[in-house]
Amino acid sequence: MRYKGYLIDLDGTIYKGVEPIPAGKRFVEELQKREIPFLFVTNNTTKTPEVVAARLKNEFDIHVSADLVYTATLATIDYMKELNRGKKVYVIGERGLKEAIAEAGFIWDEEKPDYVVVGLDSELTYDMVSIATLAIQGGASFIGTNPDLNIPTERGLLPGAGSVVRFVQAATQVEPIYIGKPKAIIMNKALDVIGLHRSDVLMVGDNYLTDIQAGIKNDIDTLLVTTGFTSPEEVPNLPVAPTYTLATLDDWNFEDA
């Protein structure tokens, strides 16, 4: 086999909002059957790996352990620890992001935080953005968990974390440090977790702007499946073609890969 491991997106690839993608489930089960290492790499910061694994089990009948889920939240925490600017943080984000950062030893501070972390928050308020803006103007490091402007759901494409980050960026005129796909930070961390060289893995996802660009920009082969964000009609005009493009993961040939 050419690929010793797979890095796999979730929303739009394995499921779409609350709707299952049956081929995604079969793809994961085939990896498990063949004992091929894989890691779900997701820009979603609203849920912990434990919650993601439970959701995969309970809603989609996909059975994986939490350590096979690497989120932009985990990559953000790893990055802040390596940056080592301090322990004070202000977070725009949902429970999964806030709790994980707190459990990692960071302390909530709205006045003089060392970091402002901005992710998706479905209860975003003007006051939250104001606190973040003032903190960044005061010298806090501005971290965007991921650049996704939209998220695919059964309702259509909804605003993503990147839209919230852009709001804060417009208010501060400060360029954020992005953690999630397609940035190198999360991809390098994911390779460390799966324990394989970038030439031995395949990045699988539905979003050309994040999943596929994550591979292209970080020298990792890519498989675009057109079940989510990027439509089949867009494929011929993509600036750099994915290594592979499929309409369904059922068409993936493990024997030749």
C-alpha atoms as a PDB file:
ATOM      1  CA  MET A   1       0.000   0.000   0.000  1.00  0.00           C
ATOM      2  CA  ARG A   2       1.198   3.494  -0.844  1.00  0.00           C
ATOM      3  CA  TYR A   3      -0.352   5.146   2.229  1.00  0.00           C
ATOM      4  CA  LYS A   4       0.422   3.914   5.716  1.00  0.00           C
ATOM      5  CA  GLY A   5      -2.141   6.192   7.358  1.00  0.00           C
ATOM      6  CA  TYR A   6      -5.035   8.569   6.751  1.00  0.00           C
ATOM      7  CA  LEU A   7      -5.905  11.999   8.141  1.00  0.00           C
ATOM      8  CA  ILE A   8      -9.665  12.412   7.790  1.00  0.00           C
ATOM      9  CA  ASP A   9     -12.044  15.343   8.062  1.00  0.00           C
ATOM     10  CA  LEU A  10     -15.433  14.818   9.730  1.00  0.00           C
ATOM     11  CA  ASP A  11     -18.235  17.229   8.811  1.00  0.00           C
ATOM     12  CA  GLY A  12     -19.005  16.943   5.112  1.00  0.00           C
ATOM     13  CA  THR A  13     -16.843  13.834   4.797  1.00  0.00           C
ATOM     14  CA  ILE A  14     -18.098  11.309   7.374  1.00  0.00           C
ATOM     15  CA  TYR A  15     -21.390  13.042   8.100  1.00  0.00           C
ATOM     16  CA  LYS A  16     -23.137  16.259   7.084  1.00  0.00           C
ATOM     17  CA  GLY A  17     -24.577  18.115  10.046  1.00  0.00           C
ATOM     18  CA  VAL A  18     -26.907  15.551  11.580  1.00  0.00           C
ATOM     19  CA  GLU A  19     -27.181  13.483   8.410  1.00  0.00           C
ATOM     20  CA  PRO A  20     -24.960  10.394   7.996  1.00  0.00           C
ATOM     21  CA  ILE A  21     -22.860   9.875   4.899  1.00  0.00           C
ATOM     22  CA  PRO A  22     -23.043   6.065   4.605  1.00  0.00           C
ATOM     23  CA  ALA A  23     -19.901   5.842   2.455  1.00  0.00           C
ATOM     24  CA  GLY A  24     -17.988   7.642   5.221  1.00  0.00           C
ATOM     25  CA  LYS A  25     -18.948   4.998   7.752  1.00  0.00           C
ATOM     26  CA  ARG A  26     -17.946   2.211   5.356  1.00  0.00           C
ATOM     27  CA  PHE A  27     -14.618   3.959   4.688  1.00  0.00           C
ATOM     28  CA  VAL A  28     -13.782   4.072   8.401  1.00  0.00           C
ATOM     29  CA  GLU A  29     -14.817   0.462   8.902  1.00  0.00           C
ATOM     30  CA  GLU A  30     -12.581  -0.610   6.020  1.00  0.00           C
ATOM     31  CA  LEU A  31      -9.621   1.177   7.613  1.00  0.00           C
ATOM     32  CA  GLN A  32     -10.354  -0.601  10.887  1.00  0.00           C
ATOM     33  CA  LYS A  33     -10.709  -3.955   9.144  1.00  0.00           C
ATOM     34  CA  ARG A  34      -7.377  -3.499   7.387  1.00  0.00           C
ATOM     35  CA  GLU A  35      -5.760  -2.145  10.591  1.00  0.00           C
ATOM     36  CA  ILE A  36      -4.598   1.000   8.782  1.00  0.00           C
ATOM     37  CA  PRO A  37      -3.841   3.895  11.168  1.00  0.00           C
ATOM     38  CA  PHE A  38      -6.094   6.933  10.856  1.00  0.00           C
ATOM     39  CA  LEU A  39      -6.789  10.144  12.718  1.00  0.00           C
ATOM     40  CA  PHE A  40      -9.790  12.418  12.447  1.00  0.00           C
ATOM     41  CA  VAL A  41      -8.480  15.976  12.069  1.00  0.00           C
ATOM     42  CA  THR A  42     -11.213  18.520  12.568  1.00  0.00           C
ATOM     43  CA  ASN A  43     -11.419  22.285  12.762  1.00  0.00           C
ATOM     44  CA  ASN A  44     -14.482  21.931  14.997  1.00  0.00           C
ATOM     45  CA  THR A  45     -13.783  23.455  18.420  1.00  0.00           C
ATOM     46  CA  THR A  46     -17.290  23.206  19.850  1.00  0.00           C
ATOM     47  CA  LYS A  47     -16.851  19.624  21.063  1.00  0.00           C
ATOM     48  CA  THR A  48     -14.138  17.689  22.911  1.00  0.00           C
ATOM     49  CA  PRO A  49     -12.647  14.524  21.377  1.00  0.00           C
ATOM     50  CA  GLU A  50     -14.654  12.493  23.907  1.00  0.00           C
ATOM     51  CA  VAL A  51     -17.896  14.143  22.804  1.00  0.00           C
ATOM     52  CA  VAL A  52     -16.987  13.708  19.130  1.00  0.00           C
ATOM     53  CA  ALA A  53     -16.283   9.999  19.656  1.00  0.00           C
ATOM     54  CA  ALA A  54     -19.558   9.592  21.547  1.00  0.00           C
ATOM     55  CA  ARG A  55     -21.453  11.383  18.801  1.00  0.00           C
ATOM     56  CA  LEU A  56     -19.884   9.183  16.121  1.00  0.00           C
ATOM     57  CA  LYS A  57     -21.000   6.136  18.093  1.00  0.00           C
ATOM     58  CA  ASN A  58     -24.484   7.239  19.101  1.00  0.00           C
ATOM     59  CA  GLU A  59     -25.581   9.128  15.987  1.00  0.00           C
ATOM     60  CA  PHE A  60     -23.653   7.455  13.173  1.00  0.00           C
ATOM     61  CA  ASP A  61     -22.753   3.979  14.510  1.00  0.00           C
ATOM     62  CA  ILE A  62     -19.037   4.646  13.996  1.00  0.00           C
ATOM     63  CA  HIS A  63     -16.949   3.254  16.834  1.00  0.00           C
ATOM     64  CA  VAL A  64     -13.630   4.956  17.551  1.00  0.00           C
ATOM     65  CA  SER A  65     -11.754   6.006  20.673  1.00  0.00           C
ATOM     66  CA  ALA A  66     -11.346   9.674  21.620  1.00  0.00           C
ATOM     67  CA  ASP A  67      -7.596   9.533  20.992  1.00  0.00           C
ATOM     68  CA  LEU A  68      -8.355   9.129  17.270  1.00  0.00           C
ATOM     69  CA  VAL A  69      -9.865  12.632  17.211  1.00  0.00           C
ATOM     70  CA  TYR A  70      -7.491  15.603  16.933  1.00  0.00           C
ATOM     71  CA  THR A  71      -9.264  18.940  17.077  1.00  0.00           C
ATOM     72  CA  ALA A  72      -8.232  22.517  16.443  1.00  0.00           C
ATOM     73  CA  THR A  73      -8.795  22.980  20.181  1.00  0.00           C
ATOM     74  CA  LEU A  74      -6.029  20.508  21.027  1.00  0.00           C
ATOM     75  CA  ALA A  75      -3.732  22.094  18.454  1.00  0.00           C
ATOM     76  CA  THR A  76      -4.485  25.554  19.903  1.00  0.00           C
ATOM     77  CA  ILE A  77      -3.579  24.382  23.415  1.00  0.00           C
ATOM     78  CA  ASP A  78      -0.379  22.746  22.161  1.00  0.00           C
ATOM     79  CA  TYR A  79       0.537  25.947  20.329  1.00  0.00           C
ATOM     80  CA  MET A  80      -0.044  28.194  23.353  1.00  0.00           C
ATOM     81  CA  LYS A  81       2.038  25.909  25.532  1.00  0.00           C
ATOM     82  CA  GLU A  82       4.890  26.033  23.033  1.00  0.00           C
ATOM     83  CA  LEU A  83       4.603  29.822  22.654  1.00  0.00           C
ATOM     84  CA  ASN A  84       4.824  30.100  26.453  1.00  0.00           C
ATOM     85  CA  ARG A  85       3.710  33.727  26.687  1.00  0.00           C
ATOM     86  CA  GLY A  86       1.749  33.187  29.884  1.00  0.00           C
ATOM     87  CA  LYS A  87      -1.336  31.452  31.245  1.00  0.00           C
ATOM     88  CA  LYS A  88      -4.041  34.133  30.999  1.00  0.00           C
ATOM     89  CA  VAL A  89      -6.586  33.761  28.216  1.00  0.00           C
ATOM     90  CA  TYR A  90      -9.860  35.158  26.945  1.00  0.00           C
ATOM     91  CA  VAL A  91     -11.888  32.851  24.721  1.00  0.00           C
ATOM     92  CA  ILE A  92     -14.718  33.373  22.274  1.00  0.00           C
ATOM     93  CA  GLY A  93     -16.012  29.881  21.715  1.00  0.00           C
ATOM     94  CA  GLU A  94     -18.323  27.206  22.969  1.00  0.00           C
ATOM     95  CA  ARG A  95     -18.081  24.913  25.957  1.00  0.00           C
ATOM     96  CA  GLY A  96     -15.782  22.335  24.389  1.00  0.00           C
ATOM     97  CA  LEU A  97     -13.139  24.959  23.593  1.00  0.00           C
ATOM     98  CA  LYS A  98     -13.370  26.817  26.910  1.00  0.00           C
ATOM     99  CA  GLU A  99     -13.333  23.714  29.101  1.00  0.00           C
ATOM    100  CA  ALA A 100     -10.386  22.136  27.305  1.00  0.00           C
ATOM    101  CA  ILE A 101      -8.318  25.324  27.589  1.00  0.00           C
ATOM    102  CA  ALA A 102      -9.171  25.628  31.288  1.00  0.00           C
ATOM    103  CA  GLU A 103      -8.315  21.972  31.927  1.00  0.00           C
ATOM    104  CA  ALA A 104      -4.941  22.576  30.263  1.00  0.00           C
ATOM    105  CA  GLY A 105      -4.119  25.078  33.010  1.00  0.00           C
ATOM    106  CA  PHE A 106      -4.990  28.398  31.403  1.00  0.00           C
ATOM    107  CA  ILE A 107      -6.731  31.076  33.480  1.00  0.00           C
ATOM    108  CA  TRP A 108      -9.685  33.189  32.319  1.00  0.00           C
ATOM    109  CA  ASP A 109      -8.877  36.905  32.130  1.00  0.00           C
ATOM    110  CA  GLU A 110     -10.930  39.585  30.383  1.00  0.00           C
ATOM    111  CA  GLU A 111      -8.683  42.526  31.297  1.00  0.00           C
ATOM    112  CA  LYS A 112      -5.087  41.640  30.450  1.00  0.00           C
ATOM    113  CA  PRO A 113      -4.981  38.190  28.861  1.00  0.00           C
ATOM    114  CA  ASP A 114      -1.836  36.849  27.230  1.00  0.00           C
ATOM    115  CA  TYR A 115      -3.949  35.237  24.502  1.00  0.00           C
ATOM    116  CA  VAL A 116      -7.294  35.885  22.870  1.00  0.00           C
ATOM    117  CA  VAL A 117      -8.607  32.698  21.288  1.00  0.00           C
ATOM    118  CA  VAL A 118     -11.483  33.063  18.835  1.00  0.00           C
ATOM    119  CA  GLY A 119     -13.539  30.131  17.617  1.00  0.00           C
ATOM    120  CA  LEU A 120     -17.117  29.404  16.638  1.00  0.00           C
ATOM    121  CA  ASP A 121     -19.692  30.598  19.185  1.00  0.00           C
ATOM    122  CA  SER A 122     -23.383  30.257  18.370  1.00  0.00           C
ATOM    123  CA  GLU A 123     -24.198  32.719  21.170  1.00  0.00           C
ATOM    124  CA  LEU A 124     -21.771  35.417  20.007  1.00  0.00           C
ATOM    125  CA  THR A 125     -22.496  38.903  21.318  1.00  0.00           C
ATOM    126  CA  TYR A 126     -21.171  42.367  20.576  1.00  0.00           C
ATOM    127  CA  ASP A 127     -19.803  42.521  24.132  1.00  0.00           C
ATOM    128  CA  MET A 128     -17.668  39.408  23.552  1.00  0.00           C
ATOM    129  CA  VAL A 129     -16.141  40.961  20.453  1.00  0.00           C
ATOM    130  CA  SER A 130     -15.554  44.211  22.341  1.00  0.00           C
ATOM    131  CA  ILE A 131     -13.642  42.443  25.133  1.00  0.00           C
ATOM    132  CA  ALA A 132     -11.554  40.549  22.569  1.00  0.00           C
ATOM    133  CA  THR A 133     -10.865  43.723  20.586  1.00  0.00           C
ATOM    134  CA  LEU A 134      -9.647  45.679  23.613  1.00  0.00           C
ATOM    135  CA  ALA A 135      -7.476  42.795  24.815  1.00  0.00           C
ATOM    136  CA  ILE A 136      -5.800  42.416  21.418  1.00  0.00           C
ATOM    137  CA  GLN A 137      -5.261  46.156  21.209  1.00  0.00           C
ATOM    138  CA  GLY A 138      -3.639  45.821  24.645  1.00  0.00           C
ATOM    139  CA  GLY A 139      -1.084  43.328  23.345  1.00  0.00           C
ATOM    140  CA  ALA A 140      -2.699  39.882  23.673  1.00  0.00           C
ATOM    141  CA  SER A 141      -1.741  37.300  21.046  1.00  0.00           C
ATOM    142  CA  PHE A 142      -4.681  36.896  18.646  1.00  0.00           C
ATOM    143  CA  ILE A 143      -5.347  33.231  17.833  1.00  0.00           C
ATOM    144  CA  GLY A 144      -8.028  32.022  15.430  1.00  0.00           C
ATOM    145  CA  THR A 145      -8.861  28.374  15.936  1.00  0.00           C
ATOM    146  CA  ASN A 146      -9.549  27.884  12.237  1.00  0.00           C
ATOM    147  CA  PRO A 147     -10.249  29.896   9.078  1.00  0.00           C
ATOM    148  CA  ASP A 148     -13.477  28.113   8.008  1.00  0.00           C
ATOM    149  CA  LEU A 149     -15.850  30.861   6.869  1.00  0.00           C
ATOM    150  CA  ASN A 150     -18.705  28.370   6.599  1.00  0.00           C
ATOM    151  CA  ILE A 151     -19.686  24.983   7.975  1.00  0.00           C
ATOM    152  CA  PRO A 152     -21.748  22.481   5.951  1.00  0.00           C
ATOM    153  CA  THR A 153     -25.005  21.442   7.613  1.00  0.00           C
ATOM    154  CA  GLU A 154     -28.260  19.838   6.604  1.00  0.00           C
ATOM    155  CA  ARG A 155     -29.646  23.416   6.426  1.00  0.00           C
ATOM    156  CA  GLY A 156     -26.880  24.616   4.093  1.00  0.00           C
ATOM    157  CA  LEU A 157     -23.631  26.516   4.615  1.00  0.00           C
ATOM    158  CA  LEU A 158     -23.736  28.376   7.940  1.00  0.00           C
ATOM    159  CA  PRO A 159     -21.202  30.895   9.338  1.00  0.00           C
ATOM    160  CA  GLY A 160     -18.071  29.202  10.656  1.00  0.00           C
ATOM    161  CA  ALA A 161     -15.328  30.154  13.089  1.00  0.00           C
ATOM    162  CA  GLY A 162     -13.456  32.026  10.374  1.00  0.00           C
ATOM    163  CA  SER A 163     -16.358  34.449  10.052  1.00  0.00           C
ATOM    164  CA  VAL A 164     -16.129  35.244  13.768  1.00  0.00           C
ATOM    165  CA  VAL A 165     -12.351  35.635  13.542  1.00  0.00           C
ATOM    166  CA  ARG A 166     -12.770  38.012  10.579  1.00  0.00           C
ATOM    167  CA  PHE A 167     -15.154  40.123  12.699  1.00  0.00           C
ATOM    168  CA  VAL A 168     -12.497  40.533  15.410  1.00  0.00           C
ATOM    169  CA  GLN A 169      -9.776  41.053  12.806  1.00  0.00           C
ATOM    170  CA  ALA A 170     -11.756  43.866  11.180  1.00  0.00           C
ATOM    171  CA  ALA A 171     -12.222  45.534  14.555  1.00  0.00           C
ATOM    172  CA  THR A 172      -8.559  45.293  15.566  1.00  0.00           C
ATOM    173  CA  GLN A 173      -6.756  45.462  12.212  1.00  0.00           C
ATOM    174  CA  VAL A 174      -4.538  42.685  13.629  1.00  0.00           C
ATOM    175  CA  GLU A 175      -3.763  39.539  11.629  1.00  0.00           C
ATOM    176  CA  PRO A 176      -4.659  36.403  13.619  1.00  0.00           C
ATOM    177  CA  ILE A 177      -2.504  33.325  14.051  1.00  0.00           C
ATOM    178  CA  TYR A 178      -4.616  30.558  12.552  1.00  0.00           C
ATOM    179  CA  ILE A 179      -4.265  27.075  14.019  1.00  0.00           C
ATOM    180  CA  GLY A 180      -6.640  24.821  12.079  1.00  0.00           C
ATOM    181  CA  LYS A 181      -6.584  23.463   8.562  1.00  0.00           C
ATOM    182  CA  PRO A 182      -5.063  24.441   6.162  1.00  0.00           C
ATOM    183  CA  LYS A 183      -2.348  25.821   8.457  1.00  0.00           C
ATOM    184  CA  ALA A 184       0.862  23.949   9.212  1.00  0.00           C
ATOM    185  CA  ILE A 185       0.352  24.069  12.985  1.00  0.00           C
ATOM    186  CA  ILE A 186      -2.486  21.547  13.144  1.00  0.00           C
ATOM    187  CA  MET A 187      -1.086  19.370  10.360  1.00  0.00           C
ATOM    188  CA  ASN A 188       2.347  19.042  11.946  1.00  0.00           C
ATOM    189  CA  LYS A 189       0.729  18.184  15.274  1.00  0.00           C
ATOM    190  CA  ALA A 190      -1.522  15.608  13.610  1.00  0.00           C
ATOM    191  CA  LEU A 191       1.490  13.940  11.997  1.00  0.00           C
ATOM    192  CA  ASP A 192       3.132  13.769  15.422  1.00  0.00           C
ATOM    193  CA  VAL A 193       0.020  12.109  16.851  1.00  0.00           C
ATOM    194  CA  ILE A 194      -0.358   9.517  14.078  1.00  0.00           C
ATOM    195  CA  GLY A 195       3.402   8.946  14.116  1.00  0.00           C
ATOM    196  CA  LEU A 196       3.950   8.883  10.360  1.00  0.00           C
ATOM    197  CA  HIS A 197       5.902  10.922   7.824  1.00  0.00           C
ATOM    198  CA  ARG A 198       3.877  13.304   5.639  1.00  0.00           C
ATOM    199  CA  SER A 199       4.786  11.311   2.515  1.00  0.00           C
ATOM    200  CA  ASP A 200       3.111   8.222   4.008  1.00  0.00           C
ATOM    201  CA  VAL A 201      -0.312   9.723   4.751  1.00  0.00           C
ATOM    202  CA  LEU A 202      -3.336  10.889   2.759  1.00  0.00           C
ATOM    203  CA  MET A 203      -5.502  13.848   3.768  1.00  0.00           C
ATOM    204  CA  VAL A 204      -9.181  13.097   3.100  1.00  0.00           C
ATOM    205  CA  GLY A 205     -11.836  15.816   3.129  1.00  0.00           C
ATOM    206  CA  ASP A 206     -14.700  17.635   1.429  1.00  0.00           C
ATOM    207  CA  ASN A 207     -13.478  21.239   1.653  1.00  0.00           C
ATOM    208  CA  TYR A 208     -10.906  22.371  -0.896  1.00  0.00           C
ATOM    209  CA  LEU A 209     -10.148  25.581   1.005  1.00  0.00           C
ATOM    210  CA  THR A 210      -9.266  23.814   4.258  1.00  0.00           C
ATOM    211  CA  ASP A 211      -8.828  20.034   3.977  1.00  0.00           C
ATOM    212  CA  ILE A 212      -7.270  19.904   0.536  1.00  0.00           C
ATOM    213  CA  GLN A 213      -5.241  23.088   0.933  1.00  0.00           C
ATOM    214  CA  ALA A 214      -3.958  21.604   4.206  1.00  0.00           C
ATOM    215  CA  GLY A 215      -2.446  18.813   2.170  1.00  0.00           C
ATOM    216  CA  ILE A 216      -1.243  20.945  -0.731  1.00  0.00           C
ATOM    217  CA  LYS A 217       0.431  23.524   1.510  1.00  0.00           C
ATOM    218  CA  ASN A 218       2.044  20.908   3.728  1.00  0.00           C
ATOM    219  CA  ASP A 219       3.276  18.382   1.136  1.00  0.00           C
ATOM    220  CA  ILE A 220       0.641  15.762   1.916  1.00  0.00           C
ATOM    221  CA  ASP A 221      -1.310  13.923  -0.797  1.00  0.00           C
ATOM    222  CA  THR A 222      -5.027  14.689  -0.852  1.00  0.00           C
ATOM    223  CA  LEU A 223      -8.348  13.019  -1.567  1.00  0.00           C
ATOM    224  CA  LEU A 224     -11.266  15.386  -2.212  1.00  0.00           C
ATOM    225  CA  VAL A 225     -14.705  13.814  -1.821  1.00  0.00           C
ATOM    226  CA  THR A 226     -17.496  15.991  -3.170  1.00  0.00           C
ATOM    227  CA  THR A 227     -20.068  15.178  -0.483  1.00  0.00           C
ATOM    228  CA  GLY A 228     -19.873  18.443   1.428  1.00  0.00           C
ATOM    229  CA  PHE A 229     -18.442  21.912   0.894  1.00  0.00           C
ATOM    230  CA  THR A 230     -16.739  21.732  -2.516  1.00  0.00           C
ATOM    231  CA  SER A 231     -19.117  20.778  -5.311  1.00  0.00           C
ATOM    232  CA  PRO A 232     -18.291  18.578  -8.330  1.00  0.00           C
ATOM    233  CA  GLU A 233     -18.867  21.606 -10.578  1.00  0.00           C
ATOM    234  CA  GLU A 234     -16.003  23.479  -8.900  1.00  0.00           C
ATOM    235  CA  VAL A 235     -13.421  20.734  -9.380  1.00  0.00           C
ATOM    236  CA  PRO A 236     -12.329  21.509 -12.981  1.00  0.00           C
ATOM    237  CA  ASN A 237     -11.514  25.098 -12.014  1.00  0.00           C
ATOM    238  CA  LEU A 238      -9.557  24.452  -8.817  1.00  0.00           C
ATOM    239  CA  PRO A 239      -6.168  26.237  -8.958  1.00  0.00           C
ATOM    240  CA  VAL A 240      -4.200  23.147  -7.847  1.00  0.00           C
ATOM    241  CA  ALA A 241      -5.873  19.801  -8.360  1.00  0.00           C
ATOM    242  CA  PRO A 242      -6.217  17.378  -5.429  1.00  0.00           C
ATOM    243  CA  THR A 243      -4.190  14.192  -5.803  1.00  0.00           C
ATOM    244  CA  TYR A 244      -7.492  12.322  -6.087  1.00  0.00           C
ATOM    245  CA  THR A 245     -11.134  13.415  -6.459  1.00  0.00           C
ATOM    246  CA  LEU A 246     -14.119  11.140  -5.828  1.00  0.00           C
ATOM    247  CA  ALA A 247     -17.881  11.539  -5.701  1.00  0.00           C
ATOM    248  CA  THR A 248     -18.059   8.971  -2.902  1.00  0.00           C
ATOM    249  CA  LEU A 249     -15.568   7.298  -0.581  1.00  0.00           C
ATOM    250  CA  ASP A 250     -17.029   3.969  -1.697  1.00  0.00           C
ATOM    251  CA  ASP A 251     -14.964   4.417  -4.878  1.00  0.00           C
ATOM    252  CA  TRP A 252     -11.638   4.513  -3.022  1.00  0.00           C
ATOM    253  CA  ASN A 253      -9.409   1.578  -3.931  1.00  0.00           C
ATOM    254  CA  PHE A 254      -7.321   0.598  -0.917  1.00  0.00           C
ATOM    255  CA  GLU A 255      -5.452  -2.027  -2.903  1.00  0.00           C
ATOM    256  CA  ASP A 256      -3.964   0.528  -5.294  1.00  0.00           C
ATOM    257  CA  ALA A 257      -3.287   3.095  -2.593  1.00  0.00           C
END
